[in-house]
PDB file of N, CA and C in Angstrom:
ATOM      1  N   LEU A   1     -10.550   4.541   9.001  1.00  0.00           N
ATOM      2  CA  LEU A   1     -10.572   3.914   7.804  1.00  0.00           C
ATOM      3  C   LEU A   1      -9.552   3.877   6.809  1.00  0.00           C
ATOM      4  N   PHE A   2      -9.212   2.742   6.268  1.00  0.00           N
ATOM      5  CA  PHE A   2      -8.198   2.947   5.144  1.00  0.00           C
ATOM      6  C   PHE A   2      -8.556   1.901   4.214  1.00  0.00           C
ATOM      7  N   SER A   3      -7.876   2.231   2.930  1.00  0.00           N
ATOM      8  CA  SER A   3      -8.093   1.014   1.946  1.00  0.00           C
ATOM      9  C   SER A   3      -6.827   1.087   1.144  1.00  0.00           C
ATOM     10  N   TYR A   4      -6.586   0.046   0.365  1.00  0.00           N
ATOM     11  CA  TYR A   4      -5.336   0.172  -0.467  1.00  0.00           C
ATOM     12  C   TYR A   4      -5.842   0.536  -1.904  1.00  0.00           C
ATOM     13  N   THR A   5      -4.810   1.336  -2.557  1.00  0.00           N
ATOM     14  CA  THR A   5      -4.946   1.942  -3.885  1.00  0.00           C
ATOM     15  C   THR A   5      -3.764   1.587  -4.654  1.00  0.00           C
ATOM     16  N   TYR A   6      -3.845   2.173  -5.847  1.00  0.00           N
ATOM     17  CA  TYR A   6      -2.765   1.930  -6.772  1.00  0.00           C
ATOM     18  C   TYR A   6      -2.499   3.246  -7.431  1.00  0.00           C
ATOM     19  N   SER A   7      -1.385   3.698  -7.539  1.00  0.00           N
ATOM     20  CA  SER A   7      -0.940   4.754  -8.231  1.00  0.00           C
ATOM     21  C   SER A   7       0.207   4.566  -9.260  1.00  0.00           C
ATOM     22  N   ALA A   8      -0.147   5.100 -10.634  1.00  0.00           N
ATOM     23  CA  ALA A   8       0.410   4.801 -11.876  1.00  0.00           C
ATOM     24  C   ALA A   8       1.840   5.411 -11.650  1.00  0.00           C
ATOM     25  N   TRP A   9       1.928   6.301 -10.700  1.00  0.00           N
ATOM     26  CA  TRP A   9       3.428   6.859 -10.382  1.00  0.00           C
ATOM     27  C   TRP A   9       4.187   6.161  -9.278  1.00  0.00           C
ATOM     28  N   LYS A  10       3.601   5.912  -8.416  1.00  0.00           N
ATOM     29  CA  LYS A  10       4.161   5.072  -7.075  1.00  0.00           C
ATOM     30  C   LYS A  10       3.832   3.730  -6.740  1.00  0.00           C
ATOM     31  N   GLY A  11       2.879   2.989  -7.419  1.00  0.00           N
ATOM     32  CA  GLY A  11       2.506   1.547  -7.178  1.00  0.00           C
ATOM     33  C   GLY A  11       1.639   1.516  -6.095  1.00  0.00           C
ATOM     34  N   ARG A  12       1.467   0.564  -5.416  1.00  0.00           N
ATOM     35  CA  ARG A  12       0.451   0.365  -4.225  1.00  0.00           C
ATOM     36  C   ARG A  12       0.722   1.439  -3.199  1.00  0.00           C
ATOM     37  N   ASN A  13      -0.233   2.051  -2.720  1.00  0.00           N
ATOM     38  CA  ASN A  13      -0.235   2.994  -1.763  1.00  0.00           C
ATOM     39  C   ASN A  13      -1.625   2.804  -0.741  1.00  0.00           C
ATOM     40  N   LEU A  14      -1.718   3.391   0.226  1.00  0.00           N
ATOM     41  CA  LEU A  14      -2.626   3.463   1.419  1.00  0.00           C
ATOM     42  C   LEU A  14      -3.635   4.696   1.080  1.00  0.00           C
ATOM     43  N   TYR A  15      -4.740   4.563   1.087  1.00  0.00           N
ATOM     44  CA  TYR A  15      -5.689   5.864   1.194  1.00  0.00           C
ATOM     45  C   TYR A  15      -6.265   5.655   2.642  1.00  0.00           C
ATOM     46  N   ILE A  16      -6.125   6.777   3.387  1.00  0.00           N
ATOM     47  CA  ILE A  16      -6.617   6.938   4.636  1.00  0.00           C
ATOM     48  C   ILE A  16      -7.857   8.007   4.781  1.00  0.00           C
ATOM     49  N   ASP A  17      -8.901   7.487   5.489  1.00  0.00           N
ATOM     50  CA  ASP A  17     -10.108   8.387   5.523  1.00  0.00           C
ATOM     51  C   ASP A  17     -10.344   8.719   7.235  1.00  0.00           C
ATOM     52  N   ASN A  18     -10.169   9.837   7.341  1.00  0.00           N
ATOM     53  CA  ASN A  18     -10.397  10.169   8.773  1.00  0.00           C
ATOM     54  C   ASN A  18      -9.546   9.760   9.741  1.00  0.00           C
ATOM     55  N   LEU A  19      -8.035  10.263   9.653  1.00  0.00           N
ATOM     56  CA  LEU A  19      -7.227   9.699  10.581  1.00  0.00           C
ATOM     57  C   LEU A  19      -7.474  10.053  12.138  1.00  0.00           C
ATOM     58  N   TYR A  20      -7.466   9.088  12.870  1.00  0.00           N
ATOM     59  CA  TYR A  20      -7.596   9.390  14.278  1.00  0.00           C
ATOM     60  C   TYR A  20      -6.521   8.611  15.084  1.00  0.00           C
ATOM     61  N   VAL A  21      -5.727   9.160  15.806  1.00  0.00           N
ATOM     62  CA  VAL A  21      -4.740   8.340  16.620  1.00  0.00           C
ATOM     63  C   VAL A  21      -5.211   8.519  18.205  1.00  0.00           C
ATOM     64  N   GLN A  22      -5.409   7.482  18.821  1.00  0.00           N
ATOM     65  CA  GLN A  22      -5.763   7.277  20.176  1.00  0.00           C
ATOM     66  C   GLN A  22      -4.734   8.078  21.097  1.00  0.00           C
ATOM     67  N   PRO A  23      -5.255   8.863  22.081  1.00  0.00           N
ATOM     68  CA  PRO A  23      -4.243   9.752  22.820  1.00  0.00           C
ATOM     69  C   PRO A  23      -3.179   8.939  23.281  1.00  0.00           C
ATOM     70  N   GLN A  24      -3.249   7.754  23.883  1.00  0.00           N
ATOM     71  CA  GLN A  24      -2.009   7.006  24.192  1.00  0.00           C
ATOM     72  C   GLN A  24      -0.990   6.665  23.103  1.00  0.00           C
ATOM     73  N   PHE A  25      -1.412   6.712  21.924  1.00  0.00           N
ATOM     74  CA  PHE A  25      -0.497   6.473  20.859  1.00  0.00           C
ATOM     75  C   PHE A  25       0.180   7.736  20.111  1.00  0.00           C
ATOM     76  N   ARG A  26      -0.176   8.892  20.394  1.00  0.00           N
ATOM     77  CA  ARG A  26       0.078  10.060  19.939  1.00  0.00           C
ATOM     78  C   ARG A  26       1.648  10.233  20.220  1.00  0.00           C
ATOM     79  N   GLY A  27       2.392  10.604  19.083  1.00  0.00           N
ATOM     80  CA  GLY A  27       3.744  10.924  19.470  1.00  0.00           C
ATOM     81  C   GLY A  27       4.747   9.787  19.236  1.00  0.00           C
ATOM     82  N   THR A  28       3.983   8.480  18.901  1.00  0.00           N
ATOM     83  CA  THR A  28       4.910   7.203  18.794  1.00  0.00           C
ATOM     84  C   THR A  28       4.698   6.725  17.314  1.00  0.00           C
ATOM     85  N   ALA A  29       5.496   5.800  16.966  1.00  0.00           N
ATOM     86  CA  ALA A  29       5.425   5.355  15.509  1.00  0.00           C
ATOM     87  C   ALA A  29       4.885   3.949  15.735  1.00  0.00           C
ATOM     88  N   GLY A  30       3.555   3.763  15.453  1.00  0.00           N
ATOM     89  CA  GLY A  30       3.043   2.544  15.418  1.00  0.00           C
ATOM     90  C   GLY A  30       3.003   1.617  14.148  1.00  0.00           C
ATOM     91  N   PRO A  31       2.584   0.553  14.161  1.00  0.00           N
ATOM     92  CA  PRO A  31       2.533  -0.472  12.984  1.00  0.00           C
ATOM     93  C   PRO A  31       1.515   0.206  12.159  1.00  0.00           C
ATOM     94  N   SER A  32       1.809  -0.217  10.800  1.00  0.00           N
ATOM     95  CA  SER A  32       0.831   0.267   9.768  1.00  0.00           C
ATOM     96  C   SER A  32      -0.500  -0.768   9.843  1.00  0.00           C
ATOM     97  N   PRO A  33      -1.545  -0.369   9.387  1.00  0.00           N
ATOM     98  CA  PRO A  33      -2.710  -1.166   9.396  1.00  0.00           C
ATOM     99  C   PRO A  33      -2.298  -2.552   8.720  1.00  0.00           C
ATOM    100  N   GLY A  34      -2.791  -3.566   9.435  1.00  0.00           N
ATOM    101  CA  GLY A  34      -2.616  -4.926   9.058  1.00  0.00           C
ATOM    102  C   GLY A  34      -1.117  -5.476   9.177  1.00  0.00           C
ATOM    103  N   GLY A  35      -0.363  -4.557   9.959  1.00  0.00           N
ATOM    104  CA  GLY A  35       1.010  -4.814  10.124  1.00  0.00           C
ATOM    105  C   GLY A  35       1.969  -5.007   9.039  1.00  0.00           C
ATOM    106  N   GLU A  36       1.651  -4.637   7.844  1.00  0.00           N
ATOM    107  CA  GLU A  36       2.360  -4.537   6.700  1.00  0.00           C
ATOM    108  C   GLU A  36       3.315  -3.416   6.785  1.00  0.00           C
ATOM    109  N   PRO A  37       4.362  -3.538   5.866  1.00  0.00           N
ATOM    110  CA  PRO A  37       5.407  -2.365   5.866  1.00  0.00           C
ATOM    111  C   PRO A  37       4.687  -1.228   5.363  1.00  0.00           C
ATOM    112  N   ARG A  38       5.389   0.034   5.904  1.00  0.00           N
ATOM    113  CA  ARG A  38       4.540   1.357   5.532  1.00  0.00           C
ATOM    114  C   ARG A  38       4.890   1.486   4.112  1.00  0.00           C
ATOM    115  N   ARG A  39       3.920   2.231   3.357  1.00  0.00           N
ATOM    116  CA  ARG A  39       3.892   2.691   2.085  1.00  0.00           C
ATOM    117  C   ARG A  39       3.466   3.899   1.879  1.00  0.00           C
ATOM    118  N   PRO A  40       3.544   4.697   0.814  1.00  0.00           N
ATOM    119  CA  PRO A  40       2.938   5.947   0.476  1.00  0.00           C
ATOM    120  C   PRO A  40       1.453   5.825   0.773  1.00  0.00           C
ATOM    121  N   GLY A  41       0.945   7.028   1.389  1.00  0.00           N
ATOM    122  CA  GLY A  41      -0.332   7.088   1.603  1.00  0.00           C
ATOM    123  C   GLY A  41      -0.948   8.461   1.366  1.00  0.00           C
ATOM    124  N   SER A  42      -2.263   8.297   1.177  1.00  0.00           N
ATOM    125  CA  SER A  42      -2.895   9.768   0.689  1.00  0.00           C
ATOM    126  C   SER A  42      -4.178   9.775   1.813  1.00  0.00           C
ATOM    127  N   GLN A  43      -4.512  11.099   2.022  1.00  0.00           N
ATOM    128  CA  GLN A  43      -5.652  11.476   2.812  1.00  0.00           C
ATOM    129  C   GLN A  43      -6.346  12.708   2.176  1.00  0.00           C
ATOM    130  N   SER A  44      -7.551  12.666   2.253  1.00  0.00           N
ATOM    131  CA  SER A  44      -8.422  14.066   1.817  1.00  0.00           C
ATOM    132  C   SER A  44      -9.122  14.850   2.995  1.00  0.00           C
ATOM    133  N   PRO A  45      -8.140  15.431   3.683  1.00  0.00           N
ATOM    134  CA  PRO A  45      -8.977  16.202   4.799  1.00  0.00           C
ATOM    135  C   PRO A  45     -10.040  17.490   4.313  1.00  0.00           C
ATOM    136  N   LEU A  46     -10.932  17.606   5.062  1.00  0.00           N
ATOM    137  CA  LEU A  46     -11.901  18.494   4.566  1.00  0.00           C
ATOM    138  C   LEU A  46     -11.323  19.840   4.661  1.00  0.00           C
ATOM    139  N   HIS A  47     -11.857  20.788   3.823  1.00  0.00           N
ATOM    140  CA  HIS A  47     -11.378  22.253   3.849  1.00  0.00           C
ATOM    141  C   HIS A  47     -11.806  22.682   5.153  1.00  0.00           C
ATOM    142  N   SER A  48     -12.965  22.199   5.742  1.00  0.00           N
ATOM    143  CA  SER A  48     -13.358  22.969   6.899  1.00  0.00           C
ATOM    144  C   SER A  48     -12.548  22.350   8.203  1.00  0.00           C
ATOM    145  N   ASN A  49     -11.542  21.788   7.897  1.00  0.00           N
ATOM    146  CA  ASN A  49     -11.035  21.064   9.166  1.00  0.00           C
ATOM    147  C   ASN A  49      -9.300  21.462   8.963  1.00  0.00           C
ATOM    148  N   PRO A  50      -9.034  22.904   9.155  1.00  0.00           N
ATOM    149  CA  PRO A  50      -7.575  23.392   9.035  1.00  0.00           C
ATOM    150  C   PRO A  50      -6.734  22.634   9.943  1.00  0.00           C
ATOM    151  N   PRO A  51      -7.108  22.344  11.211  1.00  0.00           N
ATOM    152  CA  PRO A  51      -6.087  21.501  12.155  1.00  0.00           C
ATOM    153  C   PRO A  51      -5.538  20.280  11.356  1.00  0.00           C
ATOM    154  N   GLU A  52      -6.454  19.552  10.879  1.00  0.00           N
ATOM    155  CA  GLU A  52      -6.027  18.286  10.232  1.00  0.00           C
ATOM    156  C   GLU A  52      -5.105  18.557   9.112  1.00  0.00           C
ATOM    157  N   LYS A  53      -5.361  19.632   8.144  1.00  0.00           N
ATOM    158  CA  LYS A  53      -4.420  19.929   7.172  1.00  0.00           C
ATOM    159  C   LYS A  53      -3.166  20.205   7.767  1.00  0.00           C
ATOM    160  N   ASP A  54      -3.117  21.116   8.825  1.00  0.00           N
ATOM    161  CA  ASP A  54      -1.745  21.523   9.395  1.00  0.00           C
ATOM    162  C   ASP A  54      -1.104  20.457  10.049  1.00  0.00           C
ATOM    163  N   PHE A  55      -1.916  19.457  10.748  1.00  0.00           N
ATOM    164  CA  PHE A  55      -1.210  18.325  11.216  1.00  0.00           C
ATOM    165  C   PHE A  55      -0.324  17.483  10.186  1.00  0.00           C
ATOM    166  N   LEU A  56      -1.080  17.125   9.005  1.00  0.00           N
ATOM    167  CA  LEU A  56      -0.448  16.539   7.882  1.00  0.00           C
ATOM    168  C   LEU A  56       0.797  17.166   7.287  1.00  0.00           C
ATOM    169  N   ALA A  57       0.538  18.559   7.266  1.00  0.00           N
ATOM    170  CA  ALA A  57       1.648  19.391   6.568  1.00  0.00           C
ATOM    171  C   ALA A  57       2.883  19.260   7.464  1.00  0.00           C
ATOM    172  N   ARG A  58       2.651  19.431   8.785  1.00  0.00           N
ATOM    173  CA  ARG A  58       3.830  19.446   9.730  1.00  0.00           C
ATOM    174  C   ARG A  58       4.563  18.087   9.659  1.00  0.00           C
ATOM    175  N   ARG A  59       3.880  16.962   9.159  1.00  0.00           N
ATOM    176  CA  ARG A  59       4.467  15.644   9.282  1.00  0.00           C
ATOM    177  C   ARG A  59       4.815  15.162   7.856  1.00  0.00           C
ATOM    178  N   GLY A  60       5.082  16.256   7.061  1.00  0.00           N
ATOM    179  CA  GLY A  60       5.624  15.888   5.541  1.00  0.00           C
ATOM    180  C   GLY A  60       4.538  15.877   4.467  1.00  0.00           C
ATOM    181  N   GLY A  61       3.395  16.045   4.890  1.00  0.00           N
ATOM    182  CA  GLY A  61       2.282  15.732   3.732  1.00  0.00           C
ATOM    183  C   GLY A  61       2.230  16.990   2.912  1.00  0.00           C
ATOM    184  N   GLU A  62       1.821  16.678   1.640  1.00  0.00           N
ATOM    185  CA  GLU A  62       1.914  17.646   0.614  1.00  0.00           C
ATOM    186  C   GLU A  62       0.474  17.743   0.250  1.00  0.00           C
ATOM    187  N   ASP A  63       0.098  19.028   0.068  1.00  0.00           N
ATOM    188  CA  ASP A  63      -1.361  19.281  -0.180  1.00  0.00           C
ATOM    189  C   ASP A  63      -1.260  19.568  -1.925  1.00  0.00           C
ATOM    190  N   LEU A  64      -1.672  18.451  -2.424  1.00  0.00           N
ATOM    191  CA  LEU A  64      -1.754  18.392  -4.091  1.00  0.00           C
ATOM    192  C   LEU A  64      -2.626  19.352  -4.737  1.00  0.00           C
ATOM    193  N   THR A  65      -3.673  19.878  -3.978  1.00  0.00           N
ATOM    194  CA  THR A  65      -4.656  20.750  -4.373  1.00  0.00           C
ATOM    195  C   THR A  65      -3.826  22.096  -4.547  1.00  0.00           C
ATOM    196  N   ALA A  66      -3.197  22.471  -3.490  1.00  0.00           N
ATOM    197  CA  ALA A  66      -2.318  23.805  -3.685  1.00  0.00           C
ATOM    198  C   ALA A  66      -1.180  23.615  -4.619  1.00  0.00           C
ATOM    199  N   LYS A  67      -0.304  22.420  -4.562  1.00  0.00           N
ATOM    200  CA  LYS A  67       0.839  22.345  -5.068  1.00  0.00           C
ATOM    201  C   LYS A  67       0.741  22.068  -6.701  1.00  0.00           C
ATOM    202  N   GLU A  68      -0.284  21.258  -7.151  1.00  0.00           N
ATOM    203  CA  GLU A  68      -0.568  20.782  -8.610  1.00  0.00           C
ATOM    204  C   GLU A  68      -1.847  20.930  -9.164  1.00  0.00           C
ATOM    205  N   GLY A  69      -2.651  21.622  -8.420  1.00  0.00           N
ATOM    206  CA  GLY A  69      -3.991  22.035  -8.777  1.00  0.00           C
ATOM    207  C   GLY A  69      -5.107  20.763  -9.048  1.00  0.00           C
ATOM    208  N   TRP A  70      -4.666  19.749  -8.407  1.00  0.00           N
ATOM    209  CA  TRP A  70      -5.541  18.461  -8.479  1.00  0.00           C
ATOM    210  C   TRP A  70      -6.867  18.670  -7.690  1.00  0.00           C
ATOM    211  N   SER A  71      -7.797  17.890  -8.202  1.00  0.00           N
ATOM    212  CA  SER A  71      -9.004  17.975  -7.387  1.00  0.00           C
ATOM    213  C   SER A  71      -9.478  16.549  -7.298  1.00  0.00           C
ATOM    214  N   LEU A  72     -10.240  16.279  -6.311  1.00  0.00           N
ATOM    215  CA  LEU A  72     -10.646  14.806  -6.279  1.00  0.00           C
ATOM    216  C   LEU A  72     -12.144  14.840  -6.402  1.00  0.00           C
ATOM    217  N   PHE A  73     -12.578  13.953  -7.350  1.00  0.00           N
ATOM    218  CA  PHE A  73     -13.917  13.838  -7.454  1.00  0.00           C
ATOM    219  C   PHE A  73     -14.367  12.416  -7.144  1.00  0.00           C
ATOM    220  N   HIS A  74     -15.699  12.215  -6.812  1.00  0.00           N
ATOM    221  CA  HIS A  74     -16.187  10.922  -6.399  1.00  0.00           C
ATOM    222  C   HIS A  74     -17.458  10.797  -7.134  1.00  0.00           C
ATOM    223  N   LEU A  75     -17.772   9.668  -7.800  1.00  0.00           N
ATOM    224  CA  LEU A  75     -18.829   9.315  -8.402  1.00  0.00           C
ATOM    225  C   LEU A  75     -19.616   8.102  -7.832  1.00  0.00           C
ATOM    226  N   GLU A  76     -20.775   8.256  -7.450  1.00  0.00           N
ATOM    227  CA  GLU A  76     -21.669   7.248  -6.713  1.00  0.00           C
ATOM    228  C   GLU A  76     -22.150   6.233  -7.652  1.00  0.00           C
ATOM    229  N   GLU A  77     -22.716   5.258  -7.384  1.00  0.00           N
ATOM    230  CA  GLU A  77     -23.016   4.186  -8.322  1.00  0.00           C
ATOM    231  C   GLU A  77     -23.829   4.510  -9.410  1.00  0.00           C
ATOM    232  N   ASP A  78     -24.907   5.199  -9.063  1.00  0.00           N
ATOM    233  CA  ASP A  78     -25.898   5.693 -10.107  1.00  0.00           C
ATOM    234  C   ASP A  78     -25.170   6.652 -11.103  1.00  0.00           C
ATOM    235  N   ALA A  79     -24.292   7.432 -10.619  1.00  0.00           N
ATOM    236  CA  ALA A  79     -23.768   8.414 -11.580  1.00  0.00           C
ATOM    237  C   ALA A  79     -22.797   7.607 -12.355  1.00  0.00           C
ATOM    238  N   LEU A  80     -22.011   6.367 -11.811  1.00  0.00           N
ATOM    239  CA  LEU A  80     -21.138   5.592 -12.798  1.00  0.00           C
ATOM    240  C   LEU A  80     -21.959   5.010 -13.877  1.00  0.00           C
ATOM    241  N   ARG A  81     -23.224   4.377 -13.337  1.00  0.00           N
ATOM    242  CA  ARG A  81     -24.104   3.895 -14.384  1.00  0.00           C
ATOM    243  C   ARG A  81     -24.631   4.713 -15.600  1.00  0.00           C
ATOM    244  N   ARG A  82     -24.792   6.104 -15.144  1.00  0.00           N
ATOM    245  CA  ARG A  82     -25.331   6.903 -16.216  1.00  0.00           C
ATOM    246  C   ARG A  82     -24.093   7.168 -17.185  1.00  0.00           C
ATOM    247  N   LEU A  83     -23.007   7.442 -16.626  1.00  0.00           N
ATOM    248  CA  LEU A  83     -21.709   7.661 -17.283  1.00  0.00           C
ATOM    249  C   LEU A  83     -21.396   6.369 -18.393  1.00  0.00           C
ATOM    250  N   ALA A  84     -21.522   5.264 -17.937  1.00  0.00           N
ATOM    251  CA  ALA A  84     -21.214   4.071 -18.671  1.00  0.00           C
ATOM    252  C   ALA A  84     -22.428   3.934 -19.755  1.00  0.00           C
ATOM    253  N   ALA A  85     -23.540   4.263 -19.539  1.00  0.00           N
ATOM    254  CA  ALA A  85     -24.728   4.165 -20.415  1.00  0.00           C
ATOM    255  C   ALA A  85     -24.563   5.290 -21.563  1.00  0.00           C
ATOM    256  N   GLN A  86     -23.834   6.411 -21.272  1.00  0.00           N
ATOM    257  CA  GLN A  86     -23.540   7.339 -22.262  1.00  0.00           C
ATOM    258  C   GLN A  86     -22.267   7.138 -23.123  1.00  0.00           C
ATOM    259  N   SER A  87     -21.407   6.353 -22.443  1.00  0.00           N
ATOM    260  CA  SER A  87     -20.308   6.198 -23.259  1.00  0.00           C
ATOM    261  C   SER A  87     -20.140   5.175 -24.517  1.00  0.00           C
ATOM    262  N   THR A  88     -19.538   5.545 -25.493  1.00  0.00           N
ATOM    263  CA  THR A  88     -19.351   4.569 -26.691  1.00  0.00           C
ATOM    264  C   THR A  88     -17.724   4.361 -26.831  1.00  0.00           C
ATOM    265  N   ILE A  89     -17.647   3.094 -27.534  1.00  0.00           N
ATOM    266  CA  ILE A  89     -16.282   2.783 -27.935  1.00  0.00           C
ATOM    267  C   ILE A  89     -15.907   3.024 -29.183  1.00  0.00           C
TER     268      ILE A  89
END
């Protein structure tokens, strides 16, 4: 699964969730999703999946949690509604 995102620092990029490469394509450089030019991408491997983290690191991925102390938070729709209801301008 993938989606396009926007970074204030890098512009458009690609967020990849659960990267899986079919065995016949491993070790080759295939096209990007949608056939578009490759762009910076992000992925959030689970802490419980060290092989995926190692795979990404060996291919130039940077662990921003370790490097910059960033954490990723996700708010479901009901949490966003509660937040919006409490916000004042």
